[in-house]
């Protein structure tokens, strides 16, 4: 869920203190901004409604932003 992803990303960002990690931190903050945007939330809601109607959410049809791994972030 988006809220959990935001919490994990925020926790990870707090650990990025070295100068060479600042570019990654900036990129993660950009992703966090996208997750918080009204457009992303609307698209996610639309996707969820569509998937619920069909009964499943196949992995291959997940939005690209959901399927990418963020280096160093724990996976559930």
PDB file of N, CA and C in Angstrom:
ATOM      1  N   UNK A   1       0.832  -1.177   0.000  1.00  0.00           N
ATOM      2  CA  UNK A   1       0.000   0.000   0.000  1.00  0.00           C
ATOM      3  C   UNK A   1       0.880   1.245   0.000  1.00  0.00           C
ATOM      4  N   UNK A   2       0.358   2.297  -0.548  1.00  0.00           N
ATOM      5  CA  UNK A   2       1.134   3.519  -0.771  1.00  0.00           C
ATOM      6  C   UNK A   2       1.636   4.134   0.530  1.00  0.00           C
ATOM      7  N   UNK A   3       0.795   4.140   1.551  1.00  0.00           N
ATOM      8  CA  UNK A   3       1.206   4.732   2.829  1.00  0.00           C
ATOM      9  C   UNK A   3       2.387   3.984   3.429  1.00  0.00           C
ATOM     10  N   UNK A   4       2.349   2.678   3.365  1.00  0.00           N
ATOM     11  CA  UNK A   4       3.459   1.861   3.899  1.00  0.00           C
ATOM     12  C   UNK A   4       4.737   2.125   3.092  1.00  0.00           C
ATOM     13  N   UNK A   5       4.610   2.220   1.785  1.00  0.00           N
ATOM     14  CA  UNK A   5       5.775   2.508   0.937  1.00  0.00           C
ATOM     15  C   UNK A   5       6.377   3.857   1.304  1.00  0.00           C
ATOM     16  N   UNK A   6       5.535   4.848   1.541  1.00  0.00           N
ATOM     17  CA  UNK A   6       6.024   6.174   1.915  1.00  0.00           C
ATOM     18  C   UNK A   6       6.762   6.142   3.254  1.00  0.00           C
ATOM     19  N   UNK A   7       6.243   5.401   4.209  1.00  0.00           N
ATOM     20  CA  UNK A   7       6.900   5.278   5.507  1.00  0.00           C
ATOM     21  C   UNK A   7       8.270   4.627   5.344  1.00  0.00           C
ATOM     22  N   UNK A   8       8.332   3.530   4.574  1.00  0.00           N
ATOM     23  CA  UNK A   8       9.603   2.837   4.359  1.00  0.00           C
ATOM     24  C   UNK A   8      10.610   3.719   3.622  1.00  0.00           C
ATOM     25  N   UNK A   9      10.142   4.438   2.622  1.00  0.00           N
ATOM     26  CA  UNK A   9      11.036   5.332   1.889  1.00  0.00           C
ATOM     27  C   UNK A   9      11.558   6.460   2.780  1.00  0.00           C
ATOM     28  N   UNK A  10      10.693   6.989   3.618  1.00  0.00           N
ATOM     29  CA  UNK A  10      11.111   8.053   4.539  1.00  0.00           C
ATOM     30  C   UNK A  10      12.155   7.530   5.523  1.00  0.00           C
ATOM     31  N   UNK A  11      11.944   6.346   6.069  1.00  0.00           N
ATOM     32  CA  UNK A  11      12.913   5.742   6.986  1.00  0.00           C
ATOM     33  C   UNK A  11      14.256   5.525   6.284  1.00  0.00           C
ATOM     34  N   UNK A  12      14.201   5.053   5.065  1.00  0.00           N
ATOM     35  CA  UNK A  12      15.432   4.814   4.308  1.00  0.00           C
ATOM     36  C   UNK A  12      16.162   6.125   4.030  1.00  0.00           C
ATOM     37  N   UNK A  13      15.427   7.158   3.678  1.00  0.00           N
ATOM     38  CA  UNK A  13      16.032   8.470   3.392  1.00  0.00           C
ATOM     39  C   UNK A  13      16.767   9.012   4.611  1.00  0.00           C
ATOM     40  N   UNK A  14      16.231   8.776   5.793  1.00  0.00           N
ATOM     41  CA  UNK A  14      16.863   9.258   7.016  1.00  0.00           C
ATOM     42  C   UNK A  14      18.240   8.624   7.225  1.00  0.00           C
ATOM     43  N   UNK A  15      18.449   7.445   6.655  1.00  0.00           N
ATOM     44  CA  UNK A  15      19.726   6.746   6.795  1.00  0.00           C
ATOM     45  C   UNK A  15      20.774   7.223   5.790  1.00  0.00           C
ATOM     46  N   UNK A  16      20.342   7.953   4.782  1.00  0.00           N
ATOM     47  CA  UNK A  16      21.254   8.416   3.737  1.00  0.00           C
ATOM     48  C   UNK A  16      21.908   9.720   4.167  1.00  0.00           C
ATOM     49  N   UNK A  17      23.109   9.632   4.672  1.00  0.00           N
ATOM     50  CA  UNK A  17      23.792  10.804   5.217  1.00  0.00           C
ATOM     51  C   UNK A  17      25.062  11.165   4.448  1.00  0.00           C
ATOM     52  N   UNK A  18      25.666  10.192   3.794  1.00  0.00           N
ATOM     53  CA  UNK A  18      26.934  10.419   3.093  1.00  0.00           C
ATOM     54  C   UNK A  18      26.712  11.286   1.858  1.00  0.00           C
ATOM     55  N   UNK A  19      27.717  12.085   1.506  1.00  0.00           N
ATOM     56  CA  UNK A  19      27.583  12.948   0.312  1.00  0.00           C
ATOM     57  C   UNK A  19      27.270  12.163  -0.963  1.00  0.00           C
ATOM     58  N   UNK A  20      27.858  10.991  -1.105  1.00  0.00           N
ATOM     59  CA  UNK A  20      27.615  10.201  -2.321  1.00  0.00           C
ATOM     60  C   UNK A  20      26.214   9.587  -2.349  1.00  0.00           C
ATOM     61  N   UNK A  21      25.492   9.653  -1.247  1.00  0.00           N
ATOM     62  CA  UNK A  21      24.123   9.116  -1.189  1.00  0.00           C
ATOM     63  C   UNK A  21      23.060  10.184  -1.443  1.00  0.00           C
ATOM     64  N   UNK A  22      23.472  11.413  -1.575  1.00  0.00           N
ATOM     65  CA  UNK A  22      22.512  12.508  -1.701  1.00  0.00           C
ATOM     66  C   UNK A  22      21.732  12.482  -3.013  1.00  0.00           C
ATOM     67  N   UNK A  23      22.355  11.984  -4.070  1.00  0.00           N
ATOM     68  CA  UNK A  23      21.640  11.878  -5.345  1.00  0.00           C
ATOM     69  C   UNK A  23      20.519  10.837  -5.225  1.00  0.00           C
ATOM     70  N   UNK A  24      20.815   9.725  -4.566  1.00  0.00           N
ATOM     71  CA  UNK A  24      19.794   8.694  -4.335  1.00  0.00           C
ATOM     72  C   UNK A  24      18.685   9.251  -3.454  1.00  0.00           C
ATOM     73  N   UNK A  25      19.066   9.978  -2.419  1.00  0.00           N
ATOM     74  CA  UNK A  25      18.083  10.574  -1.513  1.00  0.00           C
ATOM     75  C   UNK A  25      17.151  11.520  -2.278  1.00  0.00           C
ATOM     76  N   UNK A  26      17.721  12.313  -3.160  1.00  0.00           N
ATOM     77  CA  UNK A  26      16.927  13.246  -3.966  1.00  0.00           C
ATOM     78  C   UNK A  26      15.952  12.480  -4.866  1.00  0.00           C
ATOM     79  N   UNK A  27      16.412  11.389  -5.466  1.00  0.00           N
ATOM     80  CA  UNK A  27      15.559  10.580  -6.347  1.00  0.00           C
ATOM     81  C   UNK A  27      14.421   9.932  -5.555  1.00  0.00           C
ATOM     82  N   UNK A  28      14.729   9.452  -4.364  1.00  0.00           N
ATOM     83  CA  UNK A  28      13.702   8.825  -3.527  1.00  0.00           C
ATOM     84  C   UNK A  28      12.667   9.864  -3.108  1.00  0.00           C
ATOM     85  N   UNK A  29      13.122  11.048  -2.768  1.00  0.00           N
ATOM     86  CA  UNK A  29      12.184  12.115  -2.394  1.00  0.00           C
ATOM     87  C   UNK A  29      11.272  12.483  -3.575  1.00  0.00           C
ATOM     88  N   UNK A  30      11.821  12.415  -4.780  1.00  0.00           N
ATOM     89  CA  UNK A  30      11.014  12.688  -5.979  1.00  0.00           C
ATOM     90  C   UNK A  30       9.927  11.621  -6.132  1.00  0.00           C
ATOM     91  N   UNK A  31      10.295  10.363  -5.918  1.00  0.00           N
ATOM     92  CA  UNK A  31       9.329   9.261  -5.979  1.00  0.00           C
ATOM     93  C   UNK A  31       8.259   9.445  -4.908  1.00  0.00           C
ATOM     94  N   UNK A  32       8.682   9.844  -3.725  1.00  0.00           N
ATOM     95  CA  UNK A  32       7.726  10.076  -2.640  1.00  0.00           C
ATOM     96  C   UNK A  32       6.732  11.175  -3.024  1.00  0.00           C
ATOM     97  N   UNK A  33       7.221  12.208  -3.671  1.00  0.00           N
ATOM     98  CA  UNK A  33       6.334  13.276  -4.132  1.00  0.00           C
ATOM     99  C   UNK A  33       5.318  12.774  -5.144  1.00  0.00           C
ATOM    100  N   UNK A  34       5.766  11.870  -6.011  1.00  0.00           N
ATOM    101  CA  UNK A  34       4.857  11.283  -7.004  1.00  0.00           C
ATOM    102  C   UNK A  34       3.792  10.451  -6.303  1.00  0.00           C
ATOM    103  N   UNK A  35       4.219   9.629  -5.326  1.00  0.00           N
ATOM    104  CA  UNK A  35       3.261   8.804  -4.585  1.00  0.00           C
ATOM    105  C   UNK A  35       2.208   9.650  -3.880  1.00  0.00           C
ATOM    106  N   UNK A  36       2.592  10.829  -3.427  1.00  0.00           N
ATOM    107  CA  UNK A  36       1.676  11.708  -2.700  1.00  0.00           C
ATOM    108  C   UNK A  36       0.789  12.539  -3.625  1.00  0.00           C
ATOM    109  N   UNK A  37       1.114  12.566  -4.911  1.00  0.00           N
ATOM    110  CA  UNK A  37       0.377  13.427  -5.834  1.00  0.00           C
ATOM    111  C   UNK A  37      -1.057  12.939  -6.056  1.00  0.00           C
ATOM    112  N   UNK A  38      -1.918  13.889  -6.317  1.00  0.00           N
ATOM    113  CA  UNK A  38      -3.320  13.569  -6.597  1.00  0.00           C
ATOM    114  C   UNK A  38      -3.448  12.708  -7.850  1.00  0.00           C
ATOM    115  N   UNK A  39      -2.624  12.970  -8.854  1.00  0.00           N
ATOM    116  CA  UNK A  39      -2.680  12.202 -10.093  1.00  0.00           C
ATOM    117  C   UNK A  39      -2.350  10.734  -9.827  1.00  0.00           C
ATOM    118  N   UNK A  40      -1.270  10.472  -9.104  1.00  0.00           N
ATOM    119  CA  UNK A  40      -0.891   9.089  -8.808  1.00  0.00           C
ATOM    120  C   UNK A  40      -1.991   8.386  -8.018  1.00  0.00           C
ATOM    121  N   UNK A  41      -2.527   9.068  -7.015  1.00  0.00           N
ATOM    122  CA  UNK A  41      -3.585   8.470  -6.199  1.00  0.00           C
ATOM    123  C   UNK A  41      -4.819   8.152  -7.045  1.00  0.00           C
ATOM    124  N   UNK A  42      -5.150   9.041  -7.965  1.00  0.00           N
ATOM    125  CA  UNK A  42      -6.303   8.811  -8.847  1.00  0.00           C
ATOM    126  C   UNK A  42      -6.040   7.626  -9.769  1.00  0.00           C
ATOM    127  N   UNK A  43      -4.847   7.561 -10.341  1.00  0.00           N
ATOM    128  CA  UNK A  43      -4.511   6.439 -11.223  1.00  0.00           C
ATOM    129  C   UNK A  43      -4.492   5.132 -10.462  1.00  0.00           C
ATOM    130  N   UNK A  44      -3.945   5.140  -9.264  1.00  0.00           N
ATOM    131  CA  UNK A  44      -3.903   3.936  -8.440  1.00  0.00           C
ATOM    132  C   UNK A  44      -5.314   3.485  -8.086  1.00  0.00           C
ATOM    133  N   UNK A  45      -6.167   4.442  -7.747  1.00  0.00           N
ATOM    134  CA  UNK A  45      -7.557   4.113  -7.436  1.00  0.00           C
ATOM    135  C   UNK A  45      -8.273   3.519  -8.634  1.00  0.00           C
ATOM    136  N   UNK A  46      -8.031   4.073  -9.807  1.00  0.00           N
ATOM    137  CA  UNK A  46      -8.638   3.569 -11.028  1.00  0.00           C
ATOM    138  C   UNK A  46      -8.147   2.155 -11.332  1.00  0.00           C
ATOM    139  N   UNK A  47      -6.853   1.946 -11.182  1.00  0.00           N
ATOM    140  CA  UNK A  47      -6.256   0.633 -11.430  1.00  0.00           C
ATOM    141  C   UNK A  47      -6.816  -0.404 -10.455  1.00  0.00           C
ATOM    142  N   UNK A  48      -6.943  -0.012  -9.181  1.00  0.00           N
ATOM    143  CA  UNK A  48      -7.443  -0.931  -8.158  1.00  0.00           C
ATOM    144  C   UNK A  48      -8.894  -1.307  -8.431  1.00  0.00           C
ATOM    145  N   UNK A  49      -9.708  -0.321  -8.813  1.00  0.00           N
ATOM    146  CA  UNK A  49     -11.114  -0.605  -9.127  1.00  0.00           C
ATOM    147  C   UNK A  49     -11.221  -1.571 -10.300  1.00  0.00           C
ATOM    148  N   UNK A  50     -10.411  -1.332 -11.324  1.00  0.00           N
ATOM    149  CA  UNK A  50     -10.431  -2.185 -12.505  1.00  0.00           C
ATOM    150  C   UNK A  50     -10.006  -3.605 -12.144  1.00  0.00           C
ATOM    151  N   UNK A  51      -8.952  -3.735 -11.364  1.00  0.00           N
ATOM    152  CA  UNK A  51      -8.448  -5.049 -10.971  1.00  0.00           C
ATOM    153  C   UNK A  51      -9.462  -5.775 -10.089  1.00  0.00           C
ATOM    154  N   UNK A  52     -10.120  -5.033  -9.215  1.00  0.00           N
ATOM    155  CA  UNK A  52     -11.121  -5.630  -8.331  1.00  0.00           C
ATOM    156  C   UNK A  52     -12.293  -6.171  -9.138  1.00  0.00           C
ATOM    157  N   UNK A  53     -12.674  -5.440 -10.174  1.00  0.00           N
ATOM    158  CA  UNK A  53     -13.769  -5.883 -11.043  1.00  0.00           C
ATOM    159  C   UNK A  53     -13.435  -7.210 -11.708  1.00  0.00           C
ATOM    160  N   UNK A  54     -12.154  -7.385 -12.068  1.00  0.00           N
ATOM    161  CA  UNK A  54     -11.725  -8.596 -12.754  1.00  0.00           C
ATOM    162  C   UNK A  54     -11.298  -9.697 -11.782  1.00  0.00           C
ATOM    163  N   UNK A  55     -11.198  -9.367 -10.494  1.00  0.00           N
ATOM    164  CA  UNK A  55     -10.901 -10.364  -9.483  1.00  0.00           C
ATOM    165  C   UNK A  55      -9.431 -10.607  -9.186  1.00  0.00           C
ATOM    166  N   UNK A  56      -8.526 -10.114 -10.025  1.00  0.00           N
ATOM    167  CA  UNK A  56      -7.103 -10.336  -9.777  1.00  0.00           C
ATOM    168  C   UNK A  56      -6.288  -9.132 -10.229  1.00  0.00           C
ATOM    169  N   UNK A  57      -5.074  -9.085  -9.740  1.00  0.00           N
ATOM    170  CA  UNK A  57      -4.121  -8.072 -10.192  1.00  0.00           C
ATOM    171  C   UNK A  57      -2.879  -8.823 -10.662  1.00  0.00           C
ATOM    172  N   UNK A  58      -2.796  -9.131 -11.965  1.00  0.00           N
ATOM    173  CA  UNK A  58      -1.611  -9.828 -12.443  1.00  0.00           C
ATOM    174  C   UNK A  58      -0.368  -8.961 -12.304  1.00  0.00           C
ATOM    175  N   UNK A  59       0.744  -9.559 -11.843  1.00  0.00           N
ATOM    176  CA  UNK A  59       1.991  -8.831 -11.608  1.00  0.00           C
ATOM    177  C   UNK A  59       2.433  -8.084 -12.854  1.00  0.00           C
ATOM    178  N   UNK A  60       2.283  -8.681 -14.018  1.00  0.00           N
ATOM    179  CA  UNK A  60       2.765  -8.057 -15.248  1.00  0.00           C
ATOM    180  C   UNK A  60       2.007  -6.784 -15.601  1.00  0.00           C
ATOM    181  N   UNK A  61       0.824  -6.581 -15.026  1.00  0.00           N
ATOM    182  CA  UNK A  61       0.065  -5.382 -15.348  1.00  0.00           C
ATOM    183  C   UNK A  61       0.195  -4.288 -14.297  1.00  0.00           C
ATOM    184  N   UNK A  62       0.998  -4.522 -13.255  1.00  0.00           N
ATOM    185  CA  UNK A  62       1.192  -3.479 -12.253  1.00  0.00           C
ATOM    186  C   UNK A  62       1.886  -2.285 -12.884  1.00  0.00           C
ATOM    187  N   UNK A  63       1.558  -1.075 -12.429  1.00  0.00           N
ATOM    188  CA  UNK A  63       2.255   0.102 -12.956  1.00  0.00           C
ATOM    189  C   UNK A  63       3.753  -0.017 -12.711  1.00  0.00           C
ATOM    190  N   UNK A  64       4.551   0.515 -13.621  1.00  0.00           N
ATOM    191  CA  UNK A  64       6.010   0.403 -13.530  1.00  0.00           C
ATOM    192  C   UNK A  64       6.539   0.915 -12.199  1.00  0.00           C
ATOM    193  N   UNK A  65       5.975   1.991 -11.673  1.00  0.00           N
ATOM    194  CA  UNK A  65       6.466   2.555 -10.413  1.00  0.00           C
ATOM    195  C   UNK A  65       6.323   1.581  -9.254  1.00  0.00           C
ATOM    196  N   UNK A  66       5.375   0.674  -9.344  1.00  0.00           N
ATOM    197  CA  UNK A  66       5.148  -0.288  -8.274  1.00  0.00           C
ATOM    198  C   UNK A  66       6.104  -1.471  -8.382  1.00  0.00           C
ATOM    199  N   UNK A  67       6.552  -1.802  -9.577  1.00  0.00           N
ATOM    200  CA  UNK A  67       7.359  -2.996  -9.765  1.00  0.00           C
ATOM    201  C   UNK A  67       8.844  -2.771  -9.619  1.00  0.00           C
ATOM    202  N   UNK A  68       9.315  -1.527  -9.652  1.00  0.00           N
ATOM    203  CA  UNK A  68      10.744  -1.265  -9.524  1.00  0.00           C
ATOM    204  C   UNK A  68      11.209  -1.435  -8.092  1.00  0.00           C
ATOM    205  N   UNK A  69      12.402  -2.002  -7.919  1.00  0.00           N
ATOM    206  CA  UNK A  69      13.015  -2.121  -6.603  1.00  0.00           C
ATOM    207  C   UNK A  69      13.823  -0.868  -6.314  1.00  0.00           C
ATOM    208  N   UNK A  70      13.779  -0.430  -5.068  1.00  0.00           N
ATOM    209  CA  UNK A  70      14.621   0.679  -4.637  1.00  0.00           C
ATOM    210  C   UNK A  70      15.786   0.063  -3.881  1.00  0.00           C
ATOM    211  N   UNK A  71      17.025   0.292  -4.330  1.00  0.00           N
ATOM    212  CA  UNK A  71      18.186  -0.330  -3.690  1.00  0.00           C
ATOM    213  C   UNK A  71      18.210  -0.053  -2.191  1.00  0.00           C
ATOM    214  N   UNK A  72      18.404  -1.125  -1.423  1.00  0.00           N
ATOM    215  CA  UNK A  72      18.545  -0.983   0.018  1.00  0.00           C
ATOM    216  C   UNK A  72      17.238  -0.980   0.786  1.00  0.00           C
ATOM    217  N   UNK A  73      16.123  -0.904   0.094  1.00  0.00           N
ATOM    218  CA  UNK A  73      14.842  -0.918   0.803  1.00  0.00           C
ATOM    219  C   UNK A  73      14.446  -2.352   1.103  1.00  0.00           C
ATOM    220  N   UNK A  74      13.972  -2.596   2.323  1.00  0.00           N
ATOM    221  CA  UNK A  74      13.553  -3.960   2.653  1.00  0.00           C
ATOM    222  C   UNK A  74      12.322  -4.354   1.864  1.00  0.00           C
ATOM    223  N   UNK A  75      12.250  -5.635   1.540  1.00  0.00           N
ATOM    224  CA  UNK A  75      11.076  -6.152   0.833  1.00  0.00           C
ATOM    225  C   UNK A  75      10.218  -6.918   1.823  1.00  0.00           C
ATOM    226  N   UNK A  76       8.917  -6.869   1.619  1.00  0.00           N
ATOM    227  CA  UNK A  76       7.998  -7.642   2.479  1.00  0.00           C
ATOM    228  C   UNK A  76       7.918  -9.064   2.004  1.00  0.00           C
TER     229      UNK A  76
END
